[in-house]
Protein backbone atom coordinates (compact mmCIF):
# COMPACT_ATOMS: atom_id res chain seq x y z
CA UNK A 1 -7.09 33.46 187.76
CA UNK A 2 -5.76 37.00 189.07
CA UNK A 3 -7.86 38.52 186.18
CA UNK A 4 -11.00 38.07 188.25
CA UNK A 5 -9.35 39.51 191.65
CA UNK A 6 -8.59 42.69 189.38
CA UNK A 7 -12.06 43.16 187.85
CA UNK A 8 -13.56 42.67 191.35
CA UNK A 9 -11.33 45.85 192.12
CA UNK A 10 -12.68 47.63 188.91
CA UNK A 11 -16.02 47.05 190.07
CA UNK A 12 -15.36 48.46 193.40
CA UNK A 13 -13.67 51.55 191.76
CA UNK A 14 -16.90 51.83 189.32
CA UNK A 15 -19.31 51.46 192.04
CA UNK A 16 -17.64 54.16 194.26
CA UNK A 17 -17.65 56.71 191.14
CA UNK A 18 -21.51 55.84 190.70
CA UNK A 19 -22.43 56.65 194.33
CA UNK A 20 -20.41 60.10 194.32
CA UNK A 21 -22.30 61.02 191.35
CA UNK A 22 -25.50 59.74 192.45
CA UNK A 23 -25.66 57.86 189.29
CA UNK A 24 -27.49 54.38 188.47
CA UNK A 25 -25.83 52.93 185.54
CA UNK A 26 -22.33 52.64 183.91
CA UNK A 27 -22.52 52.55 180.12
CA UNK A 28 -18.51 52.05 179.52
CA UNK A 29 -15.50 51.81 181.38
CA UNK A 30 -12.20 52.41 179.71
CA UNK A 31 -9.22 50.61 180.99
CA UNK A 32 -5.54 51.43 180.48
CA UNK A 33 -3.57 47.99 180.67
CA UNK A 34 0.24 47.96 180.12
CA UNK A 35 1.74 45.06 178.19
CA UNK A 36 3.97 44.30 180.85
CA UNK A 37 1.03 44.18 183.65
CA UNK A 38 0.76 40.25 183.43
CA UNK A 39 -3.04 40.50 182.54
CA UNK A 40 -4.20 39.10 179.69
CA UNK A 41 -6.76 41.52 177.77
CA UNK A 42 -8.97 38.65 176.85
CA UNK A 43 -9.30 37.10 180.34
CA UNK A 44 -9.93 40.74 181.82
CA UNK A 45 -12.81 41.17 179.20
CA UNK A 46 -13.93 37.94 180.21
CA UNK A 47 -13.86 38.32 183.84
CA UNK A 48 -15.40 41.76 183.80
CA UNK A 49 -18.43 40.41 182.40
CA UNK A 50 -18.78 37.97 185.28
CA UNK A 51 -17.74 40.45 187.82
CA UNK A 52 -20.29 43.01 186.46
CA UNK A 53 -23.27 40.83 186.92
CA UNK A 54 -26.04 42.33 189.40
CA UNK A 55 -23.92 45.63 189.71
CA UNK A 56 -24.36 48.97 188.33
CA UNK A 57 -21.79 47.95 185.73
CA UNK A 58 -23.80 45.04 184.34
CA UNK A 59 -23.89 45.14 180.63
CA UNK A 60 -21.24 47.91 180.55
CA UNK A 61 -18.85 47.92 177.63
CA UNK A 62 -15.34 47.31 178.54
CA UNK A 63 -12.48 49.39 176.26
CA UNK A 64 -9.16 48.12 176.89
CA UNK A 65 -6.35 50.51 175.84
CA UNK A 66 -3.33 48.42 175.64
CA UNK A 67 -0.12 50.68 176.53
CA UNK A 68 3.37 49.47 175.38
CA UNK A 69 6.25 48.19 177.49
CA UNK A 70 9.22 50.96 177.59
CA UNK A 71 12.47 50.35 179.26
CA UNK A 72 15.85 52.29 179.50
CA UNK A 73 18.76 50.66 178.02
CA UNK A 74 21.70 51.32 180.17
CA UNK A 75 24.11 50.30 177.35
CA UNK A 76 23.21 52.52 174.75
CA UNK A 77 21.28 54.95 176.89
CA UNK A 78 18.03 54.75 174.73
CA UNK A 79 14.61 54.54 175.96
CA UNK A 80 13.12 51.25 173.59
CA UNK A 81 9.91 49.68 173.51
CA UNK A 82 9.73 46.07 174.65
CA UNK A 83 7.02 43.35 174.28
CA UNK A 84 7.88 41.63 177.61
CA UNK A 85 10.35 41.25 180.41
CA UNK A 86 13.68 39.67 179.59
CA UNK A 87 13.42 41.01 175.98
CA UNK A 88 16.93 42.58 174.72
CA UNK A 89 17.42 46.33 173.60
CA UNK A 90 16.38 46.19 169.91
CA UNK A 91 18.94 49.00 169.27
CA UNK A 92 22.01 47.45 170.84
CA UNK A 93 20.97 43.94 171.90
CA UNK A 94 21.96 44.37 175.61
CA UNK A 95 19.92 42.85 178.24
CA UNK A 96 20.57 45.68 180.79
CA UNK A 97 17.08 47.06 180.54
CA UNK A 98 15.36 48.98 183.28
CA UNK A 99 11.62 48.99 182.93
CA UNK A 100 10.05 52.71 182.81
CA UNK A 101 6.24 52.02 181.50
CA UNK A 102 3.90 49.35 180.75
CA UNK A 103 3.44 47.52 183.89
CA UNK A 104 0.33 50.19 184.81
CA UNK A 105 -3.29 49.26 184.83
CA UNK A 106 -5.79 52.03 185.85
CA UNK A 107 -9.47 52.83 185.29
CA UNK A 108 -9.03 56.11 182.93
CA UNK A 109 -12.55 56.89 182.33
CA UNK A 110 -16.16 56.05 182.85
CA UNK A 111 -19.50 56.69 181.35
CA UNK A 112 -22.14 56.92 183.55
CA UNK A 113 -25.97 57.82 183.35
């Protein structure tokens, strides 16, 4: 389950930021998660709670902002939203798509005491 490894990385980022600000507790973490990132939001939520145990993030709320997948269609020259890799262009039906967004995953904001 790669979501646990992802959450351990999130906790490392959170702990670094808490140290930088000489704080002791995190109230919430805002995570941007692209639809095409291959990470399930439900699994991330579960794994975050487990990974946060006995850390400064224990009990912190995890707010996930899901970002859509976007691709450039080489056939009709349009930027289109896609739900998953392998989808066809919703405008022209072509499968010649280049993903341009939706794979990202980043800690966008922290609420720290």
